[in-house]
Amino acid sequence: MNNVNPHLTQNKNVCEKHLNRYVVIQTSDGQYHDGIVESVDDENVYLAIPFCPGDERAFLPYGGYGYGYGGYYPRRRFYRRGFPLGGLLALSLLPFFI
C-alpha cells in the first residue's frame, strides 16, 4: 500500500526541476517569498532568500559590525529558509540579472 501524497510528490518534482533558479513561491497562507531554490527533501523546499539592509528577518551576529565590535562578521547576503512542500500553492520563475 502506497501512502505517498500525490500533491507532495508533484510539488517536490517541480521544486527539483527548479534547483538553483530564482523563483517566487506562494504558500497556503497567502504569503509570497522569493529566493533561489537551494535544496529539496521529502518534506521541505529550502530557499536562499536575499537579505536587504533593514530587513530584520536575517540573523547577523553582533549586529553585522566590522572590526572593533566583537570581531569581524561579514553580512550575509542570503539566508536559508525552509517551507513545507504540502503548503506550497504555486512556484514561478523570476528573471535574475547580474
C-alpha atoms as a PDB file:
ATOM      1  CA  MET A   1       0.000   0.000   0.000  1.00  0.00           C
ATOM      2  CA  ASN A   2       1.474   3.306  -1.090  1.00  0.00           C
ATOM      3  CA  ASN A   3       0.802   6.219   1.293  1.00  0.00           C
ATOM      4  CA  VAL A   4       2.593   8.864  -0.748  1.00  0.00           C
ATOM      5  CA  ASN A   5       0.586  12.065  -1.157  1.00  0.00           C
ATOM      6  CA  PRO A   6       0.482  12.921  -4.896  1.00  0.00           C
ATOM      7  CA  HIS A   7       0.364  16.656  -4.072  1.00  0.00           C
ATOM      8  CA  LEU A   8       3.679  16.392  -2.169  1.00  0.00           C
ATOM      9  CA  THR A   9       5.245  14.339  -4.954  1.00  0.00           C
ATOM     10  CA  GLN A  10       4.187  16.857  -7.600  1.00  0.00           C
ATOM     11  CA  ASN A  11       5.480  19.816  -5.541  1.00  0.00           C
ATOM     12  CA  LYS A  12       8.779  18.015  -4.914  1.00  0.00           C
ATOM     13  CA  ASN A  13       9.231  17.295  -8.643  1.00  0.00           C
ATOM     14  CA  VAL A  14       8.522  20.918  -9.591  1.00  0.00           C
ATOM     15  CA  CYS A  15      10.976  22.200  -6.972  1.00  0.00           C
ATOM     16  CA  GLU A  16      13.669  19.747  -8.077  1.00  0.00           C
ATOM     17  CA  LYS A  17      13.298  20.948 -11.680  1.00  0.00           C
ATOM     18  CA  HIS A  18      13.957  24.499 -10.467  1.00  0.00           C
ATOM     19  CA  LEU A  19      17.037  23.842  -8.310  1.00  0.00           C
ATOM     20  CA  ASN A  20      19.447  26.808  -8.339  1.00  0.00           C
ATOM     21  CA  ARG A  21      16.834  29.007 -10.021  1.00  0.00           C
ATOM     22  CA  TYR A  22      15.429  32.297  -8.747  1.00  0.00           C
ATOM     23  CA  VAL A  23      11.722  31.757  -8.022  1.00  0.00           C
ATOM     24  CA  VAL A  24       8.760  33.128  -6.132  1.00  0.00           C
ATOM     25  CA  ILE A  25       6.577  30.742  -4.149  1.00  0.00           C
ATOM     26  CA  GLN A  26       3.087  31.247  -2.791  1.00  0.00           C
ATOM     27  CA  THR A  27       2.229  29.438   0.424  1.00  0.00           C
ATOM     28  CA  SER A  28      -1.177  28.221   1.570  1.00  0.00           C
ATOM     29  CA  ASP A  29      -1.476  31.174   3.976  1.00  0.00           C
ATOM     30  CA  GLY A  30      -1.290  33.600   1.028  1.00  0.00           C
ATOM     31  CA  GLN A  31       2.285  34.799   1.560  1.00  0.00           C
ATOM     32  CA  TYR A  32       4.832  35.196  -1.240  1.00  0.00           C
ATOM     33  CA  HIS A  33       8.555  34.506  -0.807  1.00  0.00           C
ATOM     34  CA  ASP A  34      11.264  34.933  -3.423  1.00  0.00           C
ATOM     35  CA  GLY A  35      14.641  33.223  -3.406  1.00  0.00           C
ATOM     36  CA  ILE A  36      16.909  30.677  -5.036  1.00  0.00           C
ATOM     37  CA  VAL A  37      15.839  27.034  -4.674  1.00  0.00           C
ATOM     38  CA  GLU A  38      18.755  25.621  -2.694  1.00  0.00           C
ATOM     39  CA  SER A  39      17.594  22.086  -1.937  1.00  0.00           C
ATOM     40  CA  VAL A  40      14.553  19.843  -1.647  1.00  0.00           C
ATOM     41  CA  ASP A  41      13.906  16.868   0.621  1.00  0.00           C
ATOM     42  CA  ASP A  42      10.831  14.672   1.124  1.00  0.00           C
ATOM     43  CA  GLU A  43       9.054  17.267   3.277  1.00  0.00           C
ATOM     44  CA  ASN A  44      10.526  20.728   2.579  1.00  0.00           C
ATOM     45  CA  VAL A  45      11.940  23.036  -0.051  1.00  0.00           C
ATOM     46  CA  TYR A  46      14.760  25.342   1.067  1.00  0.00           C
ATOM     47  CA  LEU A  47      15.206  28.802  -0.415  1.00  0.00           C
ATOM     48  CA  ALA A  48      18.226  31.083  -0.192  1.00  0.00           C
ATOM     49  CA  ILE A  49      16.355  34.344   0.400  1.00  0.00           C
ATOM     50  CA  PRO A  50      18.081  37.643  -0.456  1.00  0.00           C
ATOM     51  CA  PHE A  51      18.839  39.863   2.507  1.00  0.00           C
ATOM     52  CA  CYS A  52      18.079  43.557   2.188  1.00  0.00           C
ATOM     53  CA  PRO A  53      19.553  46.118   4.621  1.00  0.00           C
ATOM     54  CA  GLY A  54      16.953  46.995   7.220  1.00  0.00           C
ATOM     55  CA  ASP A  55      15.304  43.592   6.879  1.00  0.00           C
ATOM     56  CA  GLU A  56      15.085  42.153  10.404  1.00  0.00           C
ATOM     57  CA  ARG A  57      14.441  38.582   9.249  1.00  0.00           C
ATOM     58  CA  ALA A  58      18.158  37.754   8.842  1.00  0.00           C
ATOM     59  CA  PHE A  59      20.399  36.810  11.754  1.00  0.00           C
ATOM     60  CA  LEU A  60      23.527  38.957  11.953  1.00  0.00           C
ATOM     61  CA  PRO A  61      25.932  38.128  14.797  1.00  0.00           C
ATOM     62  CA  TYR A  62      26.936  41.247  16.760  1.00  0.00           C
ATOM     63  CA  GLY A  63      24.729  43.370  14.537  1.00  0.00           C
ATOM     64  CA  GLY A  64      26.922  42.757  11.476  1.00  0.00           C
ATOM     65  CA  TYR A  65      29.568  45.267  12.563  1.00  0.00           C
ATOM     66  CA  GLY A  66      33.196  45.023  11.455  1.00  0.00           C
ATOM     67  CA  TYR A  67      36.450  45.210  13.415  1.00  0.00           C
ATOM     68  CA  GLY A  68      36.324  46.666  16.913  1.00  0.00           C
ATOM     69  CA  TYR A  69      32.824  45.378  17.625  1.00  0.00           C
ATOM     70  CA  GLY A  70      33.493  41.872  18.913  1.00  0.00           C
ATOM     71  CA  GLY A  71      35.236  40.565  15.795  1.00  0.00           C
ATOM     72  CA  TYR A  72      34.606  40.579  12.094  1.00  0.00           C
ATOM     73  CA  TYR A  73      31.337  39.071  10.970  1.00  0.00           C
ATOM     74  CA  PRO A  74      30.516  39.845   7.344  1.00  0.00           C
ATOM     75  CA  ARG A  75      26.905  40.483   6.459  1.00  0.00           C
ATOM     76  CA  ARG A  76      25.116  37.564   4.938  1.00  0.00           C
ATOM     77  CA  ARG A  77      23.692  38.247   1.525  1.00  0.00           C
ATOM     78  CA  PHE A  78      21.247  35.335   1.693  1.00  0.00           C
ATOM     79  CA  TYR A  79      19.640  33.409   4.494  1.00  0.00           C
ATOM     80  CA  ARG A  80      18.202  29.914   4.291  1.00  0.00           C
ATOM     81  CA  ARG A  81      14.543  29.218   4.996  1.00  0.00           C
ATOM     82  CA  GLY A  82      12.562  26.011   4.644  1.00  0.00           C
ATOM     83  CA  PHE A  83       8.954  25.735   3.527  1.00  0.00           C
ATOM     84  CA  PRO A  84       6.795  22.591   3.786  1.00  0.00           C
ATOM     85  CA  LEU A  85       6.016  21.073   0.390  1.00  0.00           C
ATOM     86  CA  GLY A  86       2.418  20.485   1.473  1.00  0.00           C
ATOM     87  CA  GLY A  87       1.929  24.226   1.992  1.00  0.00           C
ATOM     88  CA  LEU A  88       3.020  25.352  -1.474  1.00  0.00           C
ATOM     89  CA  LEU A  89       0.333  26.630  -3.820  1.00  0.00           C
ATOM     90  CA  ALA A  90       2.494  27.982  -6.651  1.00  0.00           C
ATOM     91  CA  LEU A  91       6.086  28.331  -7.834  1.00  0.00           C
ATOM     92  CA  SER A  92       7.075  30.720 -10.611  1.00  0.00           C
ATOM     93  CA  LEU A  93      10.417  31.579 -12.193  1.00  0.00           C
ATOM     94  CA  LEU A  94      11.642  35.150 -11.809  1.00  0.00           C
ATOM     95  CA  PRO A  95      14.150  36.937 -14.040  1.00  0.00           C
ATOM     96  CA  PHE A  96      17.582  37.212 -12.434  1.00  0.00           C
ATOM     97  CA  PHE A  97      20.014  39.853 -13.647  1.00  0.00           C
ATOM     98  CA  ILE A  98      23.600  40.336 -12.549  1.00  0.00           C
END
